[in-house]
């Protein structure tokens, strides 16, 4: 806040207005703070201390004073002598006195380059005795907060793309009851043939890196527990030998080496329960009885006894369920390297069906061209309508293309698919661009956690709402034009140069202009002139702005300043 030198003036009625020729009102002093006036939160607050000296107002006199901000009248204030009638502020004749006047008016563009003046009427009793001559008491208006960039940021929902993923390939060898010998017929099964083909491909495919092969042996839950434990270990061992044989046929050297992890899991009650639940031929009452035994009896020997006592039910189990459990599971664990960036981009054009959701979302980020980003995100949205991210990201690109209405529809669609903080931030950005600050801030407050964009967006609203300290906090450590503006408005013009210097606006017209304003607030004429020269060289429109900007009021008559702006 700045305070101009006090304006002292004698307000005298015109000669023909007074029959006695005596002064009713004289030597009124106006002290306006700040001067020039300032716009904050779309409003201009006018604060004036009106001081009258000893014998400054006649005892029966009154004055109705109306400040005018350009062509906008403010509320009228009435002052009156100690014997005057009415509801004005009373000023003692001998002592004089002071009153404080405050009014707030909505800012309009005509107030940018104007004056605050006073005018009014003088009365004695109820009779008008003259007019207060229209007199300037302050300059108006500093509107620096309107320099804020309303560049609200939207959030692109992230992909979960991983170039290298851990995958598994599974096969299984089944065994006869009580045996651990691998039957030749097992090696002719489709899953073993597929294992051979996989290992053959892995040997020559640089995108497949086999890390290990896990083989787990299992026994069906009948017979002695110790014997079954040994049997499951033996099946893991013979499963390994068989897998190495398959690897030799596939000419895969790594799968013949020391990459095996063996485990005997004993009697497979978990698998038993799973297969029993999946069976569709067994009588439901019998199935439930067996399941009840599995769930209520923990001792393996007692469980087996109870099942054997079921007669035909046990026979069904022994014929249809137990054989499935007598096995060795082969799990090849490998790293798979996906498409290269070039392959992803090429496939997105001609073979997009080969790309999954995460690949599509990632591929869009590889493009700088917004039209290409939009194309890929739309493919993802079409193929994966149940996921909110493609719909949101289509909206984000539309927003970047200044298609705000279309973007809003996409953000609403995305948030309808799944209520999420990212789309709420983006809807807040739309509201901010459209000038609905309350709605925007409400949405930003619901979007915490969506990313640093939320705090940045709040900072913009903070500047518009004249909460400059909050703006500085919300802009955080990132050097931006808006952060520099917030620092200036929060009373730290010395910070502006460093912040602008570290931002994308280090050499932009608006960056130079803001540094000129900061220099003016630090009484640095050289800084004002040099930065204005740079700003105007990049954008001639700043010449006209500087000529009427009340930030530079003190330099309006300075030759070095006028040489730049005129």
Protein backbone atom coordinates (compact mmCIF):
# COMPACT_ATOMS: atom_id res chain seq x y z
CA UNK A 1 0.00 0.00 0.00
CA UNK A 2 1.32 3.46 -0.90
CA UNK A 3 0.39 6.88 0.48
CA UNK A 4 0.64 10.04 -1.61
CA UNK A 5 1.51 13.47 -0.21
CA UNK A 6 -1.50 15.02 1.46
CA UNK A 7 -3.77 17.09 -0.75
CA UNK A 8 -4.68 20.37 0.96
CA UNK A 9 -7.23 22.62 -0.66
CA UNK A 10 -9.61 25.37 0.26
CA UNK A 11 -13.13 24.61 -0.80
CA UNK A 12 -14.93 27.93 -1.03
CA UNK A 13 -18.45 28.69 -2.09
CA UNK A 14 -18.81 30.93 -5.11
CA UNK A 15 -19.06 34.62 -4.17
CA UNK A 16 -22.69 35.06 -5.18
CA UNK A 17 -23.81 32.20 -2.97
CA UNK A 18 -23.15 33.84 0.36
CA UNK A 19 -25.09 36.90 1.50
CA UNK A 20 -22.81 37.53 4.48
CA UNK A 21 -19.57 36.80 2.64
CA UNK A 22 -18.23 34.51 5.43
CA UNK A 23 -16.67 31.09 4.71
CA UNK A 24 -18.76 28.06 5.65
CA UNK A 25 -16.13 25.43 4.74
CA UNK A 26 -12.40 25.90 4.27
CA UNK A 27 -8.99 24.27 4.22
CA UNK A 28 -10.29 20.69 3.95
CA UNK A 29 -7.53 18.11 3.81
CA UNK A 30 -7.93 14.75 2.03
CA UNK A 31 -5.58 11.85 2.69
CA UNK A 32 -6.19 8.90 0.31
CA UNK A 33 -4.69 5.47 0.98
CA UNK A 34 -3.41 3.92 -1.20
CA UNK A 35 -2.68 6.53 -3.82
CA UNK A 36 -2.87 5.57 -6.65
CA UNK A 37 -5.92 3.46 -5.92
CA UNK A 38 -5.59 -0.28 -6.47
CA UNK A 39 -7.83 -2.98 -7.82
CA UNK A 40 -8.00 -6.23 -5.87
CA UNK A 41 -10.54 -9.05 -6.21
CA UNK A 42 -12.28 -7.11 -9.02
CA UNK A 43 -12.97 -4.21 -6.68
CA UNK A 44 -11.47 -0.85 -5.78
CA UNK A 45 -11.44 0.15 -2.13
CA UNK A 46 -11.38 3.88 -1.51
CA UNK A 47 -10.22 5.00 1.93
CA UNK A 48 -10.08 8.73 2.62
CA UNK A 49 -9.31 10.58 5.84
CA UNK A 50 -11.11 13.94 5.68
CA UNK A 51 -9.57 16.47 8.08
CA UNK A 52 -10.90 19.91 8.91
CA UNK A 53 -8.70 22.41 10.79
CA UNK A 54 -9.77 24.67 13.65
CA UNK A 55 -12.74 26.74 12.50
CA UNK A 56 -12.80 24.74 9.25
CA UNK A 57 -16.60 24.43 9.20
CA UNK A 58 -19.15 26.91 10.42
CA UNK A 59 -21.30 25.83 13.35
CA UNK A 60 -24.52 25.72 11.30
CA UNK A 61 -22.95 24.60 8.03
CA UNK A 62 -23.03 21.18 6.40
CA UNK A 63 -21.36 19.68 3.37
CA UNK A 64 -22.39 16.67 1.29
CA UNK A 65 -19.20 15.35 -0.30
CA UNK A 66 -19.38 12.81 -3.12
CA UNK A 67 -16.16 11.15 -4.32
CA UNK A 68 -16.16 10.24 -8.00
CA UNK A 69 -13.96 7.52 -9.44
CA UNK A 70 -13.92 8.52 -13.08
CA UNK A 71 -17.57 8.58 -14.08
CA UNK A 72 -18.61 6.37 -11.15
CA UNK A 73 -20.03 8.13 -8.08
CA UNK A 74 -19.21 6.62 -4.71
CA UNK A 75 -21.38 6.88 -1.64
CA UNK A 76 -21.91 10.41 -0.34
CA UNK A 77 -20.57 11.50 3.06
CA UNK A 78 -22.12 14.36 5.07
CA UNK A 79 -20.13 16.46 7.50
CA UNK A 80 -21.69 19.21 9.57
CA UNK A 81 -20.97 21.82 12.17
CA UNK A 82 -21.82 21.37 15.81
CA UNK A 83 -25.13 23.31 15.60
CA UNK A 84 -26.31 22.01 12.21
CA UNK A 85 -29.27 19.68 11.98
CA UNK A 86 -29.13 16.36 10.17
CA UNK A 87 -27.40 12.98 10.42
CA UNK A 88 -23.88 13.89 9.30
CA UNK A 89 -20.58 13.45 11.08
CA UNK A 90 -20.21 16.37 13.45
CA UNK A 91 -17.03 18.47 13.43
CA UNK A 92 -16.42 20.87 16.32
CA UNK A 93 -15.92 24.47 15.28
CA UNK A 94 -12.96 25.33 17.50
CA UNK A 95 -11.21 21.98 17.60
CA UNK A 96 -11.79 20.88 14.04
CA UNK A 97 -11.69 17.12 13.46
CA UNK A 98 -11.27 14.13 11.16
CA UNK A 99 -13.53 11.46 9.76
CA UNK A 100 -12.58 8.29 7.88
CA UNK A 101 -14.46 7.37 4.77
CA UNK A 102 -14.42 3.97 3.04
CA UNK A 103 -16.27 2.65 0.05
CA UNK A 104 -15.75 -0.34 -2.25
CA UNK A 105 -16.88 -0.35 -5.87
CA UNK A 106 -16.71 -2.96 -8.59
CA UNK A 107 -13.88 -2.28 -10.98
CA UNK A 108 -14.63 -1.45 -14.59
CA UNK A 109 -12.17 -0.73 -17.41
CA UNK A 110 -12.89 3.01 -17.43
CA UNK A 111 -11.28 3.20 -13.98
CA UNK A 112 -7.84 2.15 -15.20
CA UNK A 113 -6.60 5.61 -16.20
CA UNK A 114 -8.67 8.15 -14.33
CA UNK A 115 -8.77 10.27 -11.17
CA UNK A 116 -10.50 10.14 -7.84
CA UNK A 117 -12.18 13.53 -7.39
CA UNK A 118 -14.54 15.06 -4.88
CA UNK A 119 -17.52 17.23 -5.55
CA UNK A 120 -20.59 18.14 -3.59
CA UNK A 121 -22.77 20.84 -2.06
CA UNK A 122 -22.56 23.21 0.92
CA UNK A 123 -25.54 24.08 3.10
CA UNK A 124 -26.40 26.52 5.84
CA UNK A 125 -29.37 25.18 7.66
CA UNK A 126 -31.48 23.64 4.96
CA UNK A 127 -30.47 26.12 2.28
CA UNK A 128 -27.92 25.26 -0.38
CA UNK A 129 -25.22 27.91 -0.33
CA UNK A 130 -22.79 26.66 -2.90
CA UNK A 131 -21.03 23.77 -4.60
CA UNK A 132 -17.76 22.09 -3.80
CA UNK A 133 -15.53 22.61 -6.77
CA UNK A 134 -14.61 19.30 -8.42
CA UNK A 135 -11.08 18.57 -7.27
CA UNK A 136 -8.72 15.66 -7.83
CA UNK A 137 -7.56 13.95 -4.65
CA UNK A 138 -5.94 10.75 -5.97
CA UNK A 139 -4.90 8.86 -9.08
CA UNK A 140 -6.52 5.65 -10.25
CA UNK A 141 -6.10 2.74 -10.75
CA UNK A 142 -3.34 0.14 -10.39
CA UNK A 143 -4.69 -3.09 -11.90
CA UNK A 144 -1.56 -5.26 -11.77
CA UNK A 145 -3.43 -8.36 -10.47
CA UNK A 146 -5.06 -8.55 -13.91
CA UNK A 147 -1.68 -9.52 -15.35
CA UNK A 148 -2.33 -13.02 -14.02
CA UNK A 149 -2.14 -15.74 -16.64
CA UNK A 150 -5.33 -17.77 -16.51
CA UNK A 151 -3.40 -20.75 -17.80
CA UNK A 152 -5.19 -23.33 -15.70
CA UNK A 153 -3.51 -26.69 -16.01
CA UNK A 154 -5.25 -29.95 -16.82
CA UNK A 155 -3.96 -33.36 -15.78
CA UNK A 156 -3.30 -36.24 -18.16
CA UNK A 157 -4.26 -39.49 -16.42
CA UNK A 158 -1.12 -41.60 -16.24
CA UNK A 159 -0.58 -44.91 -17.96
CA UNK A 160 0.79 -47.98 -16.19
CA UNK A 161 2.93 -48.95 -19.15
CA UNK A 162 6.06 -50.98 -18.47
CA UNK A 163 8.40 -51.76 -21.29
CA UNK A 164 9.66 -54.89 -19.55
CA UNK A 165 7.13 -57.05 -17.74
CA UNK A 166 7.49 -60.26 -15.83
CA UNK A 167 5.44 -63.00 -17.47
CA UNK A 168 4.90 -66.71 -16.92
CA UNK A 169 4.41 -69.70 -19.19
CA UNK A 170 2.78 -72.78 -17.61
CA UNK A 171 2.64 -76.48 -18.43
CA UNK A 172 1.80 -79.58 -16.44
CA UNK A 173 2.80 -83.23 -16.23
CA UNK A 174 0.34 -85.71 -14.73
CA UNK A 175 1.29 -88.98 -13.03
CA UNK A 176 -0.25 -92.34 -12.27
CA UNK A 177 -1.37 -93.06 -8.73
CA UNK A 178 1.58 -93.51 -6.40
CA UNK A 179 4.11 -93.02 -9.23
CA UNK A 180 6.65 -90.33 -10.10
CA UNK A 181 7.72 -91.69 -13.48
CA UNK A 182 6.92 -89.41 -16.42
CA UNK A 183 4.91 -91.33 -19.00
CA UNK A 184 5.95 -90.82 -22.66
CA UNK A 185 2.35 -89.93 -23.49
CA UNK A 186 2.56 -86.92 -21.17
CA UNK A 187 5.32 -85.43 -23.29
CA UNK A 188 3.02 -85.49 -26.30
CA UNK A 189 0.34 -83.37 -24.64
CA UNK A 190 -0.47 -79.99 -26.18
CA UNK A 191 0.81 -77.95 -23.24
CA UNK A 192 4.22 -79.68 -23.36
CA UNK A 193 4.43 -79.13 -27.12
CA UNK A 194 3.59 -75.47 -26.50
CA UNK A 195 6.34 -75.34 -23.85
CA UNK A 196 8.83 -76.62 -26.40
CA UNK A 197 7.74 -74.02 -28.94
CA UNK A 198 8.00 -71.29 -26.33
CA UNK A 199 11.52 -72.30 -25.28
CA UNK A 200 12.57 -72.47 -28.92
CA UNK A 201 11.26 -68.93 -29.51
CA UNK A 202 12.85 -67.66 -26.30
CA UNK A 203 16.26 -68.92 -27.43
CA UNK A 204 16.22 -66.64 -30.48
CA UNK A 205 13.97 -63.81 -29.38
CA UNK A 206 15.87 -60.90 -27.77
CA UNK A 207 12.63 -59.67 -26.22
CA UNK A 208 12.26 -62.81 -24.08
CA UNK A 209 14.64 -63.41 -21.17
CA UNK A 210 13.98 -66.58 -19.17
CA UNK A 211 14.81 -65.87 -15.53
CA UNK A 212 13.87 -69.14 -13.85
CA UNK A 213 11.78 -72.28 -14.03
CA UNK A 214 9.73 -73.27 -10.98
CA UNK A 215 8.56 -76.87 -10.72
CA UNK A 216 6.19 -77.87 -7.95
CA UNK A 217 5.21 -81.48 -7.30
CA UNK A 218 1.82 -82.43 -5.83
CA UNK A 219 0.15 -85.58 -4.50
CA UNK A 220 -3.55 -86.35 -4.27
CA UNK A 221 -4.96 -86.42 -0.70
CA UNK A 222 -5.24 -90.16 -0.20
CA UNK A 223 -2.66 -92.54 1.18
CA UNK A 224 -0.08 -91.93 3.91
CA UNK A 225 0.92 -88.31 4.38
CA UNK A 226 4.68 -88.98 4.66
CA UNK A 227 4.62 -91.08 1.55
CA UNK A 228 2.75 -88.38 -0.33
CA UNK A 229 5.27 -85.78 0.79
CA UNK A 230 8.10 -87.88 -0.63
CA UNK A 231 6.06 -88.55 -3.76
CA UNK A 232 5.50 -84.82 -4.40
CA UNK A 233 9.27 -84.20 -4.09
CA UNK A 234 10.00 -87.02 -6.51
CA UNK A 235 7.50 -85.60 -9.01
CA UNK A 236 9.21 -82.20 -8.82
CA UNK A 237 12.54 -83.89 -9.64
CA UNK A 238 11.23 -85.95 -12.53
CA UNK A 239 9.33 -82.89 -13.78
CA UNK A 240 12.65 -81.08 -13.94
CA UNK A 241 14.31 -83.91 -15.87
CA UNK A 242 11.43 -83.94 -18.35
CA UNK A 243 11.58 -80.15 -18.78
CA UNK A 244 15.32 -80.26 -19.43
CA UNK A 245 14.60 -82.85 -22.10
CA UNK A 246 12.08 -80.52 -23.70
CA UNK A 247 14.63 -77.67 -23.52
CA UNK A 248 17.20 -79.84 -25.34
CA UNK A 249 14.74 -80.50 -28.14
CA UNK A 250 14.09 -76.75 -28.30
CA UNK A 251 17.85 -76.09 -28.29
CA UNK A 252 17.41 -73.66 -25.41
CA UNK A 253 20.69 -73.66 -23.50
CA UNK A 254 19.56 -71.46 -20.63
CA UNK A 255 16.64 -73.78 -19.81
CA UNK A 256 19.13 -76.63 -19.45
CA UNK A 257 21.15 -74.80 -16.83
CA UNK A 258 20.90 -74.05 -13.13
CA UNK A 259 17.74 -71.96 -13.22
CA UNK A 260 15.37 -74.48 -11.64
CA UNK A 261 13.56 -74.08 -8.33
CA UNK A 262 11.99 -77.29 -7.06
CA UNK A 263 9.36 -77.76 -4.42
CA UNK A 264 7.32 -80.67 -3.14
CA UNK A 265 3.97 -79.48 -1.82
CA UNK A 266 2.65 -82.78 -0.47
CA UNK A 267 -1.05 -83.50 -0.52
CA UNK A 268 -2.87 -80.84 -2.50
CA UNK A 269 -5.97 -80.04 -0.45
CA UNK A 270 -6.19 -76.55 -1.91
CA UNK A 271 -6.27 -77.97 -5.45
CA UNK A 272 -8.66 -80.69 -4.29
CA UNK A 273 -11.13 -78.10 -3.02
CA UNK A 274 -10.76 -76.05 -6.20
CA UNK A 275 -11.36 -78.97 -8.56
CA UNK A 276 -14.23 -80.30 -6.45
CA UNK A 277 -15.97 -76.91 -6.50
CA UNK A 278 -15.54 -76.71 -10.28
CA UNK A 279 -16.90 -80.23 -10.93
CA UNK A 280 -20.35 -80.18 -12.53
CA UNK A 281 -21.17 -83.91 -12.56
CA UNK A 282 -21.00 -84.81 -8.89
CA UNK A 283 -24.19 -84.77 -6.84
CA UNK A 284 -24.37 -81.43 -5.00
CA UNK A 285 -25.22 -83.01 -1.65
CA UNK A 286 -22.22 -85.33 -1.92
CA UNK A 287 -20.01 -82.46 -3.01
CA UNK A 288 -21.12 -80.33 -0.04
CA UNK A 289 -20.47 -83.22 2.31
CA UNK A 290 -16.90 -83.59 1.06
CA UNK A 291 -16.32 -79.84 1.22
CA UNK A 292 -17.61 -79.82 4.80
CA UNK A 293 -15.11 -82.52 5.71
CA UNK A 294 -12.30 -80.52 4.13
CA UNK A 295 -13.27 -77.38 6.00
CA UNK A 296 -13.94 -78.87 9.44
CA UNK A 297 -11.30 -81.62 9.83
CA UNK A 298 -7.69 -80.50 9.93
CA UNK A 299 -6.00 -83.87 10.54
CA UNK A 300 -5.08 -85.39 7.12
CA UNK A 301 -5.47 -89.01 8.23
CA UNK A 302 -8.90 -88.40 9.75
CA UNK A 303 -9.97 -86.47 6.62
CA UNK A 304 -9.01 -89.39 4.38
CA UNK A 305 -10.83 -91.85 6.67
CA UNK A 306 -14.01 -89.80 6.54
CA UNK A 307 -13.84 -89.60 2.74
CA UNK A 308 -13.22 -93.34 2.32
CA UNK A 309 -16.28 -93.99 4.46
CA UNK A 310 -18.36 -92.19 1.80
CA UNK A 311 -18.28 -95.28 -0.46
CA UNK A 312 -19.40 -94.36 -4.00
CA UNK A 313 -18.53 -90.73 -3.43
CA UNK A 314 -14.93 -91.64 -2.68
CA UNK A 315 -14.87 -93.90 -5.76
CA UNK A 316 -16.00 -90.91 -7.87
CA UNK A 317 -13.26 -88.76 -6.35
CA UNK A 318 -10.62 -91.41 -6.97
CA UNK A 319 -11.63 -91.69 -10.60
CA UNK A 320 -12.37 -88.08 -11.57
CA UNK A 321 -10.73 -85.65 -9.12
CA UNK A 322 -7.62 -87.21 -7.63
CA UNK A 323 -5.92 -87.93 -11.01
CA UNK A 324 -5.94 -84.23 -11.79
CA UNK A 325 -4.03 -83.53 -8.57
CA UNK A 326 -1.20 -86.02 -9.24
CA UNK A 327 1.04 -83.63 -11.10
CA UNK A 328 4.10 -81.47 -11.47
CA UNK A 329 3.44 -77.84 -12.40
CA UNK A 330 6.03 -76.19 -14.63
CA UNK A 331 6.14 -72.39 -14.48
CA UNK A 332 8.64 -70.57 -16.68
CA UNK A 333 9.25 -67.06 -15.35
CA UNK A 334 10.58 -64.62 -17.94
CA UNK A 335 10.97 -60.94 -18.69
CA UNK A 336 9.24 -59.80 -21.84
CA UNK A 337 10.37 -56.62 -23.55
CA UNK A 338 7.49 -54.93 -25.34
CA UNK A 339 7.34 -52.79 -28.43
CA UNK A 340 9.89 -50.04 -28.97
CA UNK A 341 8.66 -46.45 -29.19
CA UNK A 342 8.89 -46.61 -32.95
CA UNK A 343 6.90 -49.85 -33.05
CA UNK A 344 4.25 -48.45 -30.74
CA UNK A 345 3.79 -45.38 -32.90
CA UNK A 346 3.69 -47.41 -36.11
CA UNK A 347 1.18 -49.88 -34.66
CA UNK A 348 -1.04 -47.05 -33.43
CA UNK A 349 -1.44 -46.00 -37.06
CA UNK A 350 -1.82 -49.28 -38.90
CA UNK A 351 -2.31 -52.03 -36.34
CA UNK A 352 -3.78 -50.51 -33.19
CA UNK A 353 -5.54 -53.75 -32.22
CA UNK A 354 -2.14 -55.14 -31.22
CA UNK A 355 -1.82 -52.52 -28.46
CA UNK A 356 -3.40 -52.87 -25.06
CA UNK A 357 -4.77 -50.00 -22.99
CA UNK A 358 -1.54 -49.12 -21.20
CA UNK A 359 0.40 -49.24 -24.47
CA UNK A 360 -2.09 -46.92 -26.14
CA UNK A 361 -2.02 -44.43 -23.27
CA UNK A 362 1.78 -44.44 -23.32
CA UNK A 363 1.98 -44.17 -27.10
CA UNK A 364 -0.06 -40.95 -27.03
CA UNK A 365 2.61 -39.36 -24.85
CA UNK A 366 5.23 -40.02 -27.54
CA UNK A 367 3.61 -37.52 -29.88
CA UNK A 368 4.17 -33.77 -29.66
CA UNK A 369 1.47 -33.04 -32.22
CA UNK A 370 -1.85 -32.58 -30.42
CA UNK A 371 -3.83 -34.04 -33.31
CA UNK A 372 -1.82 -37.26 -33.08
CA UNK A 373 -2.23 -37.40 -29.31
CA UNK A 374 -5.96 -36.96 -29.77
CA UNK A 375 -6.11 -39.71 -32.39
CA UNK A 376 -4.45 -42.28 -30.13
CA UNK A 377 -6.46 -41.34 -27.05
CA UNK A 378 -9.66 -41.67 -29.08
CA UNK A 379 -8.62 -45.19 -30.12
CA UNK A 380 -8.12 -46.05 -26.46
CA UNK A 381 -11.46 -44.49 -25.53
CA UNK A 382 -13.26 -46.51 -28.22
CA UNK A 383 -11.69 -49.81 -27.22
CA UNK A 384 -11.75 -49.33 -23.44
CA UNK A 385 -14.92 -47.38 -22.60
CA UNK A 386 -14.98 -48.77 -19.06
CA UNK A 387 -11.77 -46.92 -18.09
CA UNK A 388 -12.04 -43.22 -17.28
CA UNK A 389 -8.50 -42.36 -18.34
CA UNK A 390 -8.91 -42.33 -22.14
CA UNK A 391 -12.04 -40.15 -21.90
CA UNK A 392 -10.24 -37.76 -19.56
CA UNK A 393 -7.16 -37.58 -21.74
CA UNK A 394 -9.20 -36.88 -24.87
CA UNK A 395 -10.63 -33.95 -22.92
CA UNK A 396 -7.18 -32.79 -21.82
CA UNK A 397 -5.96 -32.61 -25.42
CA UNK A 398 -9.13 -30.81 -26.53
CA UNK A 399 -8.53 -28.30 -23.71
CA UNK A 400 -4.97 -27.77 -24.96
CA UNK A 401 -6.46 -27.12 -28.40
CA UNK A 402 -8.72 -24.42 -26.85
CA UNK A 403 -11.83 -26.52 -27.48
CA UNK A 404 -12.99 -25.90 -23.93
CA UNK A 405 -16.66 -26.83 -24.36
CA UNK A 406 -15.79 -30.19 -25.93
CA UNK A 407 -13.17 -30.76 -23.26
CA UNK A 408 -15.74 -30.16 -20.52
CA UNK A 409 -18.02 -32.85 -21.95
CA UNK A 410 -15.14 -35.33 -21.93
CA UNK A 411 -14.19 -34.53 -18.33
CA UNK A 412 -17.80 -34.99 -17.24
CA UNK A 413 -17.92 -38.28 -19.10
CA UNK A 414 -14.69 -39.47 -17.46
CA UNK A 415 -15.89 -38.53 -13.99
CA UNK A 416 -19.15 -40.35 -14.72
CA UNK A 417 -17.24 -43.53 -15.52
CA UNK A 418 -15.35 -43.17 -12.25
CA UNK A 419 -15.47 -40.37 -9.72
CA UNK A 420 -11.84 -39.23 -9.71
CA UNK A 421 -9.68 -36.31 -8.61
CA UNK A 422 -8.02 -35.87 -12.01
CA UNK A 423 -11.23 -35.12 -13.89
CA UNK A 424 -12.37 -32.87 -11.04
CA UNK A 425 -9.22 -30.78 -11.41
CA UNK A 426 -9.82 -30.58 -15.13
CA UNK A 427 -13.43 -29.52 -14.67
CA UNK A 428 -12.11 -26.88 -12.27
CA UNK A 429 -9.77 -25.64 -15.01
CA UNK A 430 -12.75 -25.29 -17.36
CA UNK A 431 -14.68 -23.37 -14.71
CA UNK A 432 -11.66 -21.12 -14.15
CA UNK A 433 -11.29 -20.36 -17.85
CA UNK A 434 -15.02 -19.58 -17.98
CA UNK A 435 -14.66 -17.15 -15.08
CA UNK A 436 -16.55 -19.13 -12.41
CA UNK A 437 -13.96 -18.80 -9.66
CA UNK A 438 -16.09 -20.21 -6.86
CA UNK A 439 -16.95 -23.36 -8.76
CA UNK A 440 -13.36 -23.71 -9.89
CA UNK A 441 -11.98 -23.50 -6.34
CA UNK A 442 -14.64 -25.92 -5.05
CA UNK A 443 -13.53 -28.45 -7.67
CA UNK A 444 -9.83 -27.88 -6.99
CA UNK A 445 -10.46 -28.52 -3.29
CA UNK A 446 -12.02 -31.86 -4.26
CA UNK A 447 -9.07 -32.68 -6.52
CA UNK A 448 -6.28 -32.81 -3.95
CA UNK A 449 -3.94 -35.63 -4.86
CA UNK A 450 -4.38 -35.26 -8.61
CA UNK A 451 -0.98 -33.62 -9.01
CA UNK A 452 0.93 -30.37 -8.66
CA UNK A 453 -1.41 -28.88 -11.27
CA UNK A 454 -4.09 -28.55 -8.58
CA UNK A 455 -1.99 -26.26 -6.39
CA UNK A 456 -0.95 -24.18 -9.40
CA UNK A 457 -4.59 -23.75 -10.38
CA UNK A 458 -5.50 -22.73 -6.85
CA UNK A 459 -2.74 -20.13 -7.01
CA UNK A 460 -4.40 -18.48 -9.99
CA UNK A 461 -7.71 -18.25 -8.13
CA UNK A 462 -5.84 -16.94 -5.07
CA UNK A 463 -4.47 -14.05 -7.13
CA UNK A 464 -7.90 -13.28 -8.55
CA UNK A 465 -9.36 -13.34 -5.02
CA UNK A 466 -6.54 -11.12 -3.65
CA UNK A 467 -5.15 -13.87 -1.39
CA UNK A 468 -1.58 -13.29 -2.42
CA UNK A 469 0.21 -15.12 0.40
CA UNK A 470 -1.88 -18.21 -0.37
CA UNK A 471 -0.97 -17.84 -4.03
CA UNK A 472 2.76 -17.75 -3.28
CA UNK A 473 2.35 -20.90 -1.17
CA UNK A 474 0.30 -22.75 -3.77
CA UNK A 475 2.70 -21.95 -6.61
CA UNK A 476 5.39 -23.72 -4.61
CA UNK A 477 9.00 -23.87 -5.80
CA UNK A 478 8.29 -23.82 -9.53
CA UNK A 479 9.45 -20.59 -11.16
CA UNK A 480 6.57 -19.22 -13.24
CA UNK A 481 5.24 -15.84 -14.30
CA UNK A 482 2.26 -16.23 -11.99
CA UNK A 483 4.47 -17.03 -9.01
CA UNK A 484 6.53 -13.89 -9.68
CA UNK A 485 3.30 -11.87 -9.91
CA UNK A 486 2.08 -13.34 -6.61
CA UNK A 487 5.38 -12.43 -4.94
CA UNK A 488 5.09 -8.87 -6.24
CA UNK A 489 1.51 -8.52 -5.03
CA UNK A 490 2.44 -10.06 -1.68
CA UNK A 491 4.97 -7.30 -1.08
CA UNK A 492 8.20 -8.89 -2.33
CA UNK A 493 9.09 -7.12 -5.59
CA UNK A 494 12.76 -7.96 -5.04
CA UNK A 495 11.96 -11.64 -5.68
CA UNK A 496 10.47 -11.03 -9.12
CA UNK A 497 13.72 -10.85 -11.09
CA UNK A 498 15.01 -14.23 -9.87
CA UNK A 499 11.66 -15.96 -10.29
CA UNK A 500 11.12 -14.65 -13.81
CA UNK A 501 14.75 -15.44 -14.64
CA UNK A 502 14.18 -19.10 -13.77
CA UNK A 503 10.90 -19.36 -15.64
CA UNK A 504 9.81 -19.84 -19.23
CA UNK A 505 9.14 -16.08 -19.30
CA UNK A 506 12.77 -15.07 -18.74
CA UNK A 507 12.80 -13.40 -22.15
CA UNK A 508 9.11 -12.93 -22.90
CA UNK A 509 7.35 -9.61 -23.27
CA UNK A 510 5.17 -10.19 -20.22
CA UNK A 511 8.18 -11.29 -18.19
CA UNK A 512 10.06 -8.08 -18.98
CA UNK A 513 6.96 -5.99 -18.26
CA UNK A 514 6.49 -7.56 -14.83
CA UNK A 515 10.15 -6.91 -14.03
CA UNK A 516 9.61 -3.27 -15.00
CA UNK A 517 6.69 -3.06 -12.56
CA UNK A 518 8.84 -4.65 -9.85
CA UNK A 519 11.59 -2.14 -10.58
CA UNK A 520 9.12 0.73 -10.25
CA UNK A 521 8.04 -0.53 -6.85
CA UNK A 522 11.71 -0.50 -5.83
CA UNK A 523 12.28 3.02 -7.21
CA UNK A 524 14.69 1.66 -9.81
CA UNK A 525 14.29 3.92 -12.84
CA UNK A 526 17.04 2.15 -14.80
CA UNK A 527 15.32 -1.19 -14.27
CA UNK A 528 11.99 0.30 -15.35
CA UNK A 529 13.40 1.75 -18.57
CA UNK A 530 15.52 -1.25 -19.58
CA UNK A 531 12.80 -3.82 -18.95
CA UNK A 532 10.15 -1.74 -20.71
CA UNK A 533 12.43 -1.42 -23.75
CA UNK A 534 12.73 -5.21 -23.88
CA UNK A 535 9.01 -5.76 -23.35
CA UNK A 536 8.01 -3.28 -26.07
CA UNK A 537 10.59 -4.68 -28.49
CA UNK A 538 8.88 -8.06 -28.22
CA UNK A 539 5.29 -6.79 -28.11
CA UNK A 540 4.51 -3.22 -29.11
CA UNK A 541 1.18 -3.31 -27.25
CA UNK A 542 3.05 -2.82 -23.99
CA UNK A 543 3.93 0.75 -25.02
CA UNK A 544 0.31 1.90 -24.80
CA UNK A 545 -0.21 -0.05 -21.59
CA UNK A 546 2.84 1.47 -19.89
CA UNK A 547 1.76 5.00 -20.85
CA UNK A 548 -1.34 4.73 -18.65
CA UNK A 549 -0.22 2.15 -16.08
CA UNK A 550 -0.35 3.82 -12.66
CA UNK A 551 2.50 1.58 -11.54
CA UNK A 552 4.74 4.03 -13.44
CA UNK A 553 2.94 7.21 -12.35
CA UNK A 554 5.99 8.71 -10.68
CA UNK A 555 7.90 8.47 -13.98
CA UNK A 556 5.27 9.94 -16.30
CA UNK A 557 7.22 13.19 -16.60
CA UNK A 558 10.66 11.59 -16.64
CA UNK A 559 12.44 12.01 -19.98
CA UNK A 560 14.03 8.57 -20.01
CA UNK A 561 10.63 6.97 -19.36
CA UNK A 562 8.75 9.02 -21.91
CA UNK A 563 11.42 8.30 -24.50
CA UNK A 564 10.50 4.62 -24.26
CA UNK A 565 6.71 4.84 -24.19
CA UNK A 566 5.97 7.77 -26.53
